[in-house]
């Protein structure tokens, strides 16, 4: 095993390293899907409400941006809640 690999992964085997990378990719895919799910929920609520047009922007662009800002805030809050539960 090369020095950099040993420094990074310690005594993990190649199989353990590969499995770890697969698990990390799965977590990233899950988090991205969760973000999209939160954004879908937010946009549903936004469009169901009585929102006026946003000045100087197309409403669909403004609403989409806002939905993802809400989704990102929901993800941050979710991490806070998990951190608080573990204390």
C-alpha atoms as a PDB file:
ATOM      1  CA  UNK A   1       0.000   0.000   0.000  1.00  0.00           C
ATOM      2  CA  UNK A   2       1.377   3.439  -0.895  1.00  0.00           C
ATOM      3  CA  UNK A   3       2.320   5.887   1.850  1.00  0.00           C
ATOM      4  CA  UNK A   4      -0.453   8.330   0.982  1.00  0.00           C
ATOM      5  CA  UNK A   5      -3.033   5.567   0.951  1.00  0.00           C
ATOM      6  CA  UNK A   6      -1.845   4.248   4.310  1.00  0.00           C
ATOM      7  CA  UNK A   7      -1.926   7.777   5.752  1.00  0.00           C
ATOM      8  CA  UNK A   8      -5.449   8.309   4.453  1.00  0.00           C
ATOM      9  CA  UNK A   9      -6.991   4.906   5.113  1.00  0.00           C
ATOM     10  CA  UNK A  10      -4.836   3.414   7.844  1.00  0.00           C
ATOM     11  CA  UNK A  11      -4.901  -0.379   7.821  1.00  0.00           C
ATOM     12  CA  UNK A  12      -8.110  -0.726   5.809  1.00  0.00           C
ATOM     13  CA  UNK A  13      -8.083  -3.350   3.083  1.00  0.00           C
ATOM     14  CA  UNK A  14      -8.832  -2.436  -0.531  1.00  0.00           C
ATOM     15  CA  UNK A  15     -12.237  -4.117  -0.154  1.00  0.00           C
ATOM     16  CA  UNK A  16     -13.019  -2.046   2.964  1.00  0.00           C
ATOM     17  CA  UNK A  17     -11.956   1.133   1.187  1.00  0.00           C
ATOM     18  CA  UNK A  18     -14.127   0.333  -1.820  1.00  0.00           C
ATOM     19  CA  UNK A  19     -17.145  -0.443   0.403  1.00  0.00           C
ATOM     20  CA  UNK A  20     -16.641   2.835   2.280  1.00  0.00           C
ATOM     21  CA  UNK A  21     -16.623   4.780  -1.002  1.00  0.00           C
ATOM     22  CA  UNK A  22     -19.802   3.017  -2.129  1.00  0.00           C
ATOM     23  CA  UNK A  23     -21.513   3.827   1.178  1.00  0.00           C
ATOM     24  CA  UNK A  24     -20.451   7.484   0.964  1.00  0.00           C
ATOM     25  CA  UNK A  25     -21.832   7.723  -2.576  1.00  0.00           C
ATOM     26  CA  UNK A  26     -25.120   6.206  -1.392  1.00  0.00           C
ATOM     27  CA  UNK A  27     -25.348   8.766   1.429  1.00  0.00           C
ATOM     28  CA  UNK A  28     -24.683  11.624  -1.005  1.00  0.00           C
ATOM     29  CA  UNK A  29     -27.374  10.309  -3.371  1.00  0.00           C
ATOM     30  CA  UNK A  30     -29.829   9.993  -0.463  1.00  0.00           C
ATOM     31  CA  UNK A  31     -29.129  13.538   0.743  1.00  0.00           C
ATOM     32  CA  UNK A  32     -29.575  14.936  -2.771  1.00  0.00           C
ATOM     33  CA  UNK A  33     -32.853  13.028  -3.179  1.00  0.00           C
ATOM     34  CA  UNK A  34     -34.004  14.255   0.229  1.00  0.00           C
ATOM     35  CA  UNK A  35     -33.174  17.851  -0.775  1.00  0.00           C
ATOM     36  CA  UNK A  36     -35.246  17.409  -3.937  1.00  0.00           C
ATOM     37  CA  UNK A  37     -38.120  15.931  -1.906  1.00  0.00           C
ATOM     38  CA  UNK A  38     -38.029  18.895   0.484  1.00  0.00           C
ATOM     39  CA  UNK A  39     -37.975  21.310  -2.453  1.00  0.00           C
ATOM     40  CA  UNK A  40     -40.963  19.527  -4.040  1.00  0.00           C
ATOM     41  CA  UNK A  41     -42.887  19.856  -0.785  1.00  0.00           C
ATOM     42  CA  UNK A  42     -41.953  23.532  -0.484  1.00  0.00           C
ATOM     43  CA  UNK A  43     -42.926  24.371  -4.076  1.00  0.00           C
ATOM     44  CA  UNK A  44     -46.248  22.585  -3.610  1.00  0.00           C
ATOM     45  CA  UNK A  45     -46.990  24.812  -0.643  1.00  0.00           C
ATOM     46  CA  UNK A  46     -45.763  27.927  -2.429  1.00  0.00           C
ATOM     47  CA  UNK A  47     -47.899  27.298  -5.498  1.00  0.00           C
ATOM     48  CA  UNK A  48     -50.944  26.368  -3.414  1.00  0.00           C
ATOM     49  CA  UNK A  49     -50.764  29.734  -1.626  1.00  0.00           C
ATOM     50  CA  UNK A  50     -51.622  33.185  -2.880  1.00  0.00           C
ATOM     51  CA  UNK A  51     -48.240  34.559  -3.828  1.00  0.00           C
ATOM     52  CA  UNK A  52     -47.909  37.668  -5.929  1.00  0.00           C
ATOM     53  CA  UNK A  53     -45.284  38.020  -8.606  1.00  0.00           C
ATOM     54  CA  UNK A  54     -41.765  38.716  -7.485  1.00  0.00           C
ATOM     55  CA  UNK A  55     -40.423  42.019  -8.840  1.00  0.00           C
ATOM     56  CA  UNK A  56     -37.853  41.848 -11.657  1.00  0.00           C
ATOM     57  CA  UNK A  57     -37.918  38.051 -11.850  1.00  0.00           C
ATOM     58  CA  UNK A  58     -39.938  35.411 -13.574  1.00  0.00           C
ATOM     59  CA  UNK A  59     -42.168  33.849 -10.893  1.00  0.00           C
ATOM     60  CA  UNK A  60     -41.169  30.302 -11.797  1.00  0.00           C
ATOM     61  CA  UNK A  61     -37.488  31.127 -11.297  1.00  0.00           C
ATOM     62  CA  UNK A  62     -38.111  32.969  -8.057  1.00  0.00           C
ATOM     63  CA  UNK A  63     -40.303  30.164  -6.689  1.00  0.00           C
ATOM     64  CA  UNK A  64     -37.817  27.447  -7.694  1.00  0.00           C
ATOM     65  CA  UNK A  65     -34.949  29.314  -6.028  1.00  0.00           C
ATOM     66  CA  UNK A  66     -37.053  29.863  -2.916  1.00  0.00           C
ATOM     67  CA  UNK A  67     -38.101  26.182  -2.796  1.00  0.00           C
ATOM     68  CA  UNK A  68     -34.464  25.060  -2.770  1.00  0.00           C
ATOM     69  CA  UNK A  69     -33.575  27.666  -0.122  1.00  0.00           C
ATOM     70  CA  UNK A  70     -36.373  26.210   2.016  1.00  0.00           C
ATOM     71  CA  UNK A  71     -35.112  22.674   1.293  1.00  0.00           C
ATOM     72  CA  UNK A  72     -31.563  23.629   2.296  1.00  0.00           C
ATOM     73  CA  UNK A  73     -32.869  25.167   5.533  1.00  0.00           C
ATOM     74  CA  UNK A  74     -34.831  21.976   6.229  1.00  0.00           C
ATOM     75  CA  UNK A  75     -31.679  19.894   5.756  1.00  0.00           C
ATOM     76  CA  UNK A  76     -29.711  22.155   8.118  1.00  0.00           C
ATOM     77  CA  UNK A  77     -32.492  21.909  10.712  1.00  0.00           C
ATOM     78  CA  UNK A  78     -32.602  18.130  10.317  1.00  0.00           C
ATOM     79  CA  UNK A  79     -28.879  17.920  11.138  1.00  0.00           C
ATOM     80  CA  UNK A  80     -29.402  20.202  14.162  1.00  0.00           C
ATOM     81  CA  UNK A  81     -32.210  17.984  15.423  1.00  0.00           C
ATOM     82  CA  UNK A  82     -30.105  14.834  15.014  1.00  0.00           C
ATOM     83  CA  UNK A  83     -27.216  16.512  16.840  1.00  0.00           C
ATOM     84  CA  UNK A  84     -29.543  17.592  19.678  1.00  0.00           C
ATOM     85  CA  UNK A  85     -31.027  14.086  20.018  1.00  0.00           C
ATOM     86  CA  UNK A  86     -27.566  12.560  20.383  1.00  0.00           C
ATOM     87  CA  UNK A  87     -26.717  14.811  23.349  1.00  0.00           C
END
